[in-house]
Amino acid sequence: MNFHAKSRSGFTLIELLLVIGIIAILAAIVVVAVDPTKQLADARNAQRRSDVNTILNAVYQYAIDNDGTLPGCLPSATVGTTYNICTIAACTGVTNGCDLMPLTDKDLVSMPVDPSGATGNDTRYDISKDANNRVTVSADSAEHGETISVTR
């Protein structure tokens, strides 16, 4: 008797379906673990933290260069009032705006703007002064419920 074993080439349908199913499950796990929306929001918040520090450093550098005088609206600012930082000197269209454009003459190349795409003349960053002349700069549009604020 001559039995020839059939040579098998290719995969069965069940084998292919199992491999495709396993790949789909692994891909779903990776997408959930990476969560690109959260990663992008975290990146924008990191940029906001950097911008807040940059603005505050520029305010204090301005004060050092000008014998302790704070820039813009801060010398006459009402204690505890929060002001919106403007992108232009006149603060046109910005409610309760604070002109910090003198900082761009020497201390900043340009006024930082919120990375979420601030429109108009509002940078979406705020500034305030307390009773001890300590200045606080904050980001009013931080994501994931974070509070981004620096006081010096």
Protein backbone atom coordinates (compact mmCIF):
# COMPACT_ATOMS: atom_id res chain seq x y z
CA MET A 1 0.00 0.00 0.00
CA ASN A 2 1.20 3.35 -0.93
CA PHE A 3 -0.16 6.12 1.24
CA HIS A 4 0.86 9.54 0.28
CA ALA A 5 0.39 12.16 2.93
CA LYS A 6 -1.42 15.17 1.62
CA SER A 7 0.76 18.22 1.84
CA ARG A 8 -1.01 21.06 3.56
CA SER A 9 -0.44 24.55 2.30
CA GLY A 10 -2.01 27.64 3.87
CA PHE A 11 -4.09 28.09 6.99
CA THR A 12 -7.57 27.00 7.81
CA LEU A 13 -10.33 29.56 8.20
CA ILE A 14 -10.51 28.97 11.96
CA GLU A 15 -6.78 29.62 12.37
CA LEU A 16 -7.03 32.88 10.45
CA LEU A 17 -10.05 34.03 12.46
CA LEU A 18 -8.28 33.27 15.74
CA VAL A 19 -5.20 35.28 14.75
CA ILE A 20 -7.31 38.23 13.54
CA GLY A 21 -9.34 38.15 16.76
CA ILE A 22 -6.23 38.13 18.95
CA ILE A 23 -4.71 41.03 16.99
CA ALA A 24 -7.95 43.04 17.32
CA ILE A 25 -8.06 42.49 21.10
CA LEU A 26 -4.42 43.53 21.50
CA ALA A 27 -4.96 46.63 19.33
CA ALA A 28 -7.96 47.66 21.44
CA ILE A 29 -5.92 47.28 24.63
CA VAL A 30 -3.10 49.42 23.21
CA VAL A 31 -5.49 52.20 22.11
CA VAL A 32 -7.13 52.29 25.55
CA ALA A 33 -3.74 52.25 27.32
CA VAL A 34 -2.24 55.02 25.20
CA ASP A 35 -5.37 57.26 25.13
CA PRO A 36 -4.19 59.88 22.63
CA THR A 37 -6.76 62.44 23.80
CA LYS A 38 -5.34 62.41 27.33
CA GLN A 39 -1.78 62.54 26.01
CA LEU A 40 -2.57 65.64 23.93
CA ALA A 41 -4.34 67.34 26.86
CA ASP A 42 -1.33 66.62 29.09
CA ALA A 43 0.97 68.14 26.47
CA ARG A 44 -1.16 71.30 26.30
CA ASN A 45 -1.14 71.56 30.11
CA ALA A 46 2.65 71.24 30.12
CA GLN A 47 2.81 74.13 27.63
CA ARG A 48 0.49 76.16 29.88
CA ARG A 49 2.77 75.54 32.89
CA SER A 50 5.73 76.73 30.87
CA ASP A 51 3.87 79.82 29.61
CA VAL A 52 2.70 80.79 33.12
CA ASN A 53 6.27 80.59 34.42
CA THR A 54 7.57 82.55 31.41
CA ILE A 55 5.07 85.37 31.95
CA LEU A 56 5.75 85.55 35.68
CA ASN A 57 9.53 85.57 35.15
CA ALA A 58 9.14 88.38 32.60
CA VAL A 59 6.98 90.41 35.04
CA TYR A 60 9.64 90.17 37.72
CA GLN A 61 12.48 90.87 35.30
CA TYR A 62 10.58 93.99 34.21
CA ALA A 63 10.19 95.02 37.88
CA ILE A 64 13.91 94.52 38.50
CA ASP A 65 14.79 96.63 35.46
CA ASN A 66 12.34 99.41 36.48
CA ASP A 67 13.14 99.94 40.16
CA GLY A 68 10.39 97.64 41.46
CA THR A 69 7.57 99.05 39.33
CA LEU A 70 5.27 96.31 38.04
CA PRO A 71 4.20 96.44 34.37
CA GLY A 72 0.83 97.14 32.78
CA CYS A 73 -2.22 97.28 34.99
CA LEU A 74 -0.46 95.83 38.04
CA PRO A 75 0.75 99.05 39.76
CA SER A 76 -2.86 100.28 40.07
CA ALA A 77 -4.53 96.84 40.13
CA THR A 78 -7.28 96.23 42.66
CA VAL A 79 -6.00 93.67 45.16
CA GLY A 80 -7.55 90.26 44.53
CA THR A 81 -8.96 91.20 41.10
CA THR A 82 -8.05 88.86 38.27
CA TYR A 83 -7.16 90.46 34.94
CA ASN A 84 -7.04 88.81 31.51
CA ILE A 85 -3.65 89.21 29.83
CA CYS A 86 -4.02 90.77 26.35
CA THR A 87 -2.10 90.10 23.15
CA ILE A 88 -2.24 93.77 22.09
CA ALA A 89 -1.56 97.00 23.94
CA ALA A 90 -5.09 98.43 23.82
CA CYS A 91 -6.76 95.21 25.14
CA THR A 92 -9.55 95.80 22.60
CA GLY A 93 -12.43 93.40 23.11
CA VAL A 94 -11.02 91.92 26.32
CA THR A 95 -13.11 92.26 29.46
CA ASN A 96 -11.00 93.34 32.43
CA GLY A 97 -7.82 93.22 30.35
CA CYS A 98 -4.27 93.90 31.48
CA ASP A 99 -1.74 95.28 29.02
CA LEU A 100 1.57 93.48 29.55
CA MET A 101 2.90 94.34 26.10
CA PRO A 102 5.83 96.34 27.60
CA LEU A 103 7.24 92.90 28.49
CA THR A 104 7.62 92.11 24.79
CA ASP A 105 10.00 95.05 24.32
CA LYS A 106 12.80 93.43 26.29
CA ASP A 107 11.74 90.48 28.44
CA LEU A 108 9.64 88.39 26.02
CA VAL A 109 9.86 87.76 22.29
CA SER A 110 6.07 87.58 22.12
CA MET A 111 3.25 87.18 24.61
CA PRO A 112 2.48 83.46 25.12
CA VAL A 113 -1.01 82.36 24.05
CA ASP A 114 -2.94 79.34 25.34
CA PRO A 115 -2.17 76.24 23.19
CA SER A 116 -5.85 75.33 22.80
CA GLY A 117 -6.17 78.09 20.23
CA ALA A 118 -7.09 81.31 21.99
CA THR A 119 -8.90 83.68 19.69
CA GLY A 120 -9.10 87.45 19.71
CA ASN A 121 -6.88 89.51 21.97
CA ASP A 122 -7.23 87.37 25.11
CA THR A 123 -4.24 85.07 25.76
CA ARG A 124 -6.43 82.97 28.13
CA TYR A 125 -3.88 83.58 30.86
CA ASP A 126 -4.79 85.63 33.94
CA ILE A 127 -2.79 87.82 36.30
CA SER A 128 -3.57 89.22 39.75
CA LYS A 129 -1.84 90.93 42.67
CA ASP A 130 -2.42 90.35 46.38
CA ALA A 131 -2.10 92.77 49.31
CA ASN A 132 1.62 91.96 49.68
CA ASN A 133 2.30 92.78 45.98
CA ARG A 134 2.76 89.09 45.22
CA VAL A 135 1.81 88.42 41.61
CA THR A 136 -0.10 85.32 40.49
CA VAL A 137 -0.28 84.16 36.87
CA SER A 138 -2.72 81.37 36.03
CA ALA A 139 -4.09 79.47 33.05
CA ASP A 140 -7.89 79.67 33.02
CA SER A 141 -8.37 76.89 30.48
CA ALA A 142 -6.34 74.03 31.96
CA GLU A 143 -7.68 70.60 31.04
CA HIS A 144 -8.60 67.55 33.18
CA GLY A 145 -9.60 69.81 36.05
CA GLU A 146 -6.01 70.85 36.74
CA THR A 147 -5.20 74.18 38.32
CA ILE A 148 -2.19 75.83 36.76
CA SER A 149 -1.12 78.82 38.81
CA VAL A 150 2.19 80.28 40.00
CA THR A 151 2.62 82.96 42.66
CA ARG A 152 5.79 84.90 43.51
